[in-house]
Amino acid sequence: MNTLSYGLLGFLSNESMSGYDLMLKMNLFWHTRHSHIYPLLAKLEEDGYVEFTLVKQNGKPDKKVYTPTKLGIQAVKEWLEKVTPEPVNKDEMMLKTYCLHILGKDQAKKSIKEREEMYHNKFISLQKRMEDLKKQADGILNTTNSSYFGRFIILNKLLSDAKSGIEWCQWVYGLYDTDNIINIFEQSPFH
């Protein structure tokens, strides 16, 4: 099984879902498409890791709602116990940032400001998701065994990343104001 298959089983361990609902949940931190999910769900069903029930819909085809089997839950447990490799980082903005010296100062600052706005919008969106999660949990999360716990800690990680991105952009933007005045190496928060 591939990582996406384990991820689908993991999401289903919290609640039964359709393929479409799985895609929406997964896309919070793992970009995927229908064309990836549906063949995997069919394979997981064929191999005994999930089962589905058909839900009638008015004016639409019946919807398959998937639930993991005991075998599926066991597969997720075994996957969770394995060491996770370092993530693959593909960030086009970081590639562009490496080349900012090619742009004029104003255009470079504009590029950084756009990135900051992107992080800010993501932060606001994630805060809304956190509020939605809090409502779903009736404002109480007092155990790490809750199905809400994983979502809670993931949202906190994503919020932290977005906040860090905002702060980084502000720091870089400020460096352009000190250009040719001070030693920029001394402005690193990690020197």
Protein backbone atom coordinates (compact mmCIF):
# COMPACT_ATOMS: atom_id res chain seq x y z
CA MET A 1 0.00 0.00 0.00
CA ASN A 2 1.13 3.54 -0.62
CA THR A 3 1.05 6.46 1.83
CA LEU A 4 -2.20 7.85 0.43
CA SER A 5 -3.90 4.48 1.06
CA TYR A 6 -2.82 4.56 4.69
CA GLY A 7 -3.97 8.17 4.95
CA LEU A 8 -7.41 7.27 3.62
CA LEU A 9 -7.68 4.42 6.11
CA GLY A 10 -6.57 6.76 8.89
CA PHE A 11 -9.24 9.31 8.04
CA LEU A 12 -11.85 6.58 7.86
CA SER A 13 -10.81 5.40 11.33
CA ASN A 14 -12.31 8.66 12.66
CA GLU A 15 -15.53 8.59 10.66
CA SER A 16 -17.11 6.88 7.67
CA MET A 17 -16.92 9.04 4.55
CA SER A 18 -17.48 9.15 0.82
CA GLY A 19 -14.55 9.44 -1.56
CA TYR A 20 -15.37 13.10 -2.14
CA ASP A 21 -15.39 13.86 1.61
CA LEU A 22 -12.08 12.03 1.98
CA MET A 23 -10.55 14.19 -0.75
CA LEU A 24 -11.70 17.38 0.99
CA LYS A 25 -10.20 16.27 4.32
CA MET A 26 -6.95 15.04 2.78
CA ASN A 27 -6.39 18.26 0.86
CA LEU A 28 -5.84 20.10 4.12
CA PHE A 29 -2.25 18.85 4.02
CA TRP A 30 -1.90 16.29 1.21
CA HIS A 31 -2.91 17.44 -2.25
CA THR A 32 -4.86 14.77 -4.10
CA ARG A 33 -7.61 14.37 -6.69
CA HIS A 34 -10.65 12.18 -7.28
CA SER A 35 -8.66 10.30 -9.88
CA HIS A 36 -6.22 9.20 -7.17
CA ILE A 37 -8.70 8.42 -4.41
CA TYR A 38 -11.39 6.36 -6.14
CA PRO A 39 -9.06 3.70 -7.60
CA LEU A 40 -7.37 3.36 -4.20
CA LEU A 41 -10.72 2.96 -2.45
CA ALA A 42 -11.70 0.26 -4.95
CA LYS A 43 -8.40 -1.54 -4.31
CA LEU A 44 -8.75 -1.17 -0.52
CA GLU A 45 -12.25 -2.63 -0.77
CA GLU A 46 -11.08 -5.48 -3.00
CA ASP A 47 -8.26 -6.30 -0.55
CA GLY A 48 -10.58 -6.26 2.48
CA TYR A 49 -9.32 -3.06 4.14
CA VAL A 50 -12.59 -1.12 3.72
CA GLU A 51 -16.23 -1.83 3.12
CA PHE A 52 -18.93 0.51 1.92
CA THR A 53 -22.63 1.13 2.18
CA LEU A 54 -24.66 2.75 -0.57
CA VAL A 55 -26.51 5.91 0.42
CA LYS A 56 -29.43 6.93 -1.78
CA GLN A 57 -29.39 10.51 -3.05
CA ASN A 58 -32.20 12.39 -4.76
CA GLY A 59 -31.42 13.18 -8.38
CA LYS A 60 -27.86 11.83 -8.09
CA PRO A 61 -26.22 8.41 -8.25
CA ASP A 62 -26.02 6.50 -4.99
CA LYS A 63 -23.07 7.50 -2.83
CA LYS A 64 -20.58 4.98 -1.42
CA VAL A 65 -19.72 5.66 2.21
CA TYR A 66 -16.58 3.81 3.29
CA THR A 67 -15.69 2.32 6.66
CA PRO A 68 -12.43 0.55 7.55
CA THR A 69 -12.50 -3.13 8.46
CA LYS A 70 -10.51 -4.62 11.34
CA LEU A 71 -7.84 -5.48 8.77
CA GLY A 72 -7.80 -1.84 7.65
CA ILE A 73 -7.40 -0.56 11.21
CA GLN A 74 -4.60 -3.07 11.82
CA ALA A 75 -2.82 -1.88 8.66
CA VAL A 76 -3.00 1.74 9.89
CA LYS A 77 -1.62 0.72 13.31
CA GLU A 78 1.34 -1.03 11.69
CA TRP A 79 1.95 1.95 9.39
CA LEU A 80 1.87 4.36 12.36
CA GLU A 81 4.55 2.33 14.13
CA LYS A 82 7.00 2.65 11.22
CA VAL A 83 9.58 5.45 11.05
CA THR A 84 8.37 8.31 8.86
CA PRO A 85 10.86 9.53 6.25
CA GLU A 86 11.70 13.21 5.99
CA PRO A 87 9.03 14.99 3.93
CA VAL A 88 9.66 16.01 0.34
CA ASN A 89 9.63 19.79 0.13
CA LYS A 90 8.53 21.30 -3.17
CA ASP A 91 8.00 25.01 -2.62
CA GLU A 92 8.13 27.14 -5.75
CA MET A 93 8.23 30.32 -3.68
CA MET A 94 11.43 29.16 -1.98
CA LEU A 95 12.99 28.60 -5.41
CA LYS A 96 11.96 32.11 -6.40
CA THR A 97 13.24 33.51 -3.11
CA TYR A 98 16.67 32.07 -3.85
CA CYS A 99 16.72 34.22 -6.99
CA LEU A 100 15.34 37.47 -5.54
CA HIS A 101 18.66 39.22 -6.12
CA ILE A 102 17.78 39.27 -9.83
CA LEU A 103 14.77 41.52 -9.21
CA GLY A 104 14.88 45.15 -8.28
CA LYS A 105 14.30 45.96 -4.61
CA ASP A 106 10.70 47.12 -5.12
CA GLN A 107 9.70 44.03 -7.10
CA ALA A 108 11.41 41.74 -4.58
CA LYS A 109 9.58 43.45 -1.70
CA LYS A 110 6.31 43.08 -3.61
CA SER A 111 6.97 39.36 -4.03
CA ILE A 112 7.65 38.94 -0.30
CA LYS A 113 4.55 40.98 0.59
CA GLU A 114 2.40 38.73 -1.64
CA ARG A 115 3.79 35.68 0.13
CA GLU A 116 3.01 37.26 3.50
CA GLU A 117 -0.59 37.86 2.40
CA MET A 118 -0.85 34.22 1.34
CA TYR A 119 0.36 33.08 4.78
CA HIS A 120 -2.01 35.54 6.45
CA ASN A 121 -5.01 34.26 4.47
CA LYS A 122 -4.03 30.69 5.29
CA PHE A 123 -3.75 31.60 8.98
CA ILE A 124 -7.26 33.11 8.97
CA SER A 125 -8.68 30.05 7.18
CA LEU A 126 -7.01 27.70 9.67
CA GLN A 127 -8.34 29.71 12.62
CA LYS A 128 -11.84 29.23 11.21
CA ARG A 129 -11.22 25.49 10.90
CA MET A 130 -10.07 25.44 14.53
CA GLU A 131 -13.26 27.22 15.60
CA ASP A 132 -15.31 24.72 13.59
CA LEU A 133 -13.47 21.82 15.25
CA LYS A 134 -14.07 23.34 18.67
CA LYS A 135 -17.80 23.54 17.91
CA GLN A 136 -17.84 19.92 16.71
CA ALA A 137 -16.23 18.88 20.00
CA ASP A 138 -18.67 21.03 22.01
CA GLY A 139 -15.72 23.10 23.20
CA ILE A 140 -14.17 20.23 25.15
CA LEU A 141 -11.10 18.17 24.31
CA ASN A 142 -9.80 16.50 27.45
CA THR A 143 -8.23 13.31 26.12
CA THR A 144 -5.65 12.35 23.54
CA ASN A 145 -7.86 9.35 22.68
CA SER A 146 -10.49 11.60 21.12
CA SER A 147 -11.00 11.45 17.36
CA TYR A 148 -10.67 15.26 17.48
CA PHE A 149 -7.15 15.14 18.94
CA GLY A 150 -5.30 14.46 15.67
CA ARG A 151 -7.13 17.26 13.90
CA PHE A 152 -6.44 19.59 16.82
CA ILE A 153 -2.68 19.03 16.83
CA ILE A 154 -2.47 19.16 13.01
CA LEU A 155 -4.33 22.47 12.94
CA ASN A 156 -1.99 23.82 15.60
CA LYS A 157 1.04 22.74 13.53
CA LEU A 158 -0.40 24.36 10.40
CA LEU A 159 -1.24 27.54 12.34
CA SER A 160 2.30 27.61 13.71
CA ASP A 161 3.73 27.18 10.20
CA ALA A 162 1.55 29.98 8.81
CA LYS A 163 2.48 32.30 11.69
CA SER A 164 6.15 31.48 11.21
CA GLY A 165 5.77 32.22 7.48
CA ILE A 166 4.26 35.62 8.24
CA GLU A 167 7.08 36.45 10.66
CA TRP A 168 9.71 35.28 8.16
CA CYS A 169 8.23 37.47 5.40
CA GLN A 170 8.20 40.47 7.74
CA TRP A 171 11.83 39.81 8.66
CA VAL A 172 12.89 39.53 4.98
CA TYR A 173 10.91 42.64 4.09
CA GLY A 174 12.72 44.51 6.85
CA LEU A 175 16.10 43.41 5.51
CA TYR A 176 15.43 45.36 2.33
CA ASP A 177 15.11 48.52 4.45
CA THR A 178 18.56 47.94 5.98
CA ASP A 179 20.21 47.07 2.65
CA ASN A 180 23.70 48.63 2.28
CA ILE A 181 23.55 49.95 5.86
CA ILE A 182 24.44 46.99 8.08
CA ASN A 183 25.87 43.48 7.85
CA ILE A 184 22.81 41.39 6.98
CA PHE A 185 24.46 38.26 8.44
CA GLU A 186 24.08 39.89 11.84
CA GLN A 187 20.31 40.18 11.32
CA SER A 188 19.74 36.43 11.32
CA PRO A 189 17.66 35.36 14.31
CA PHE A 190 19.88 32.25 14.46
CA HIS A 191 23.39 33.72 14.41
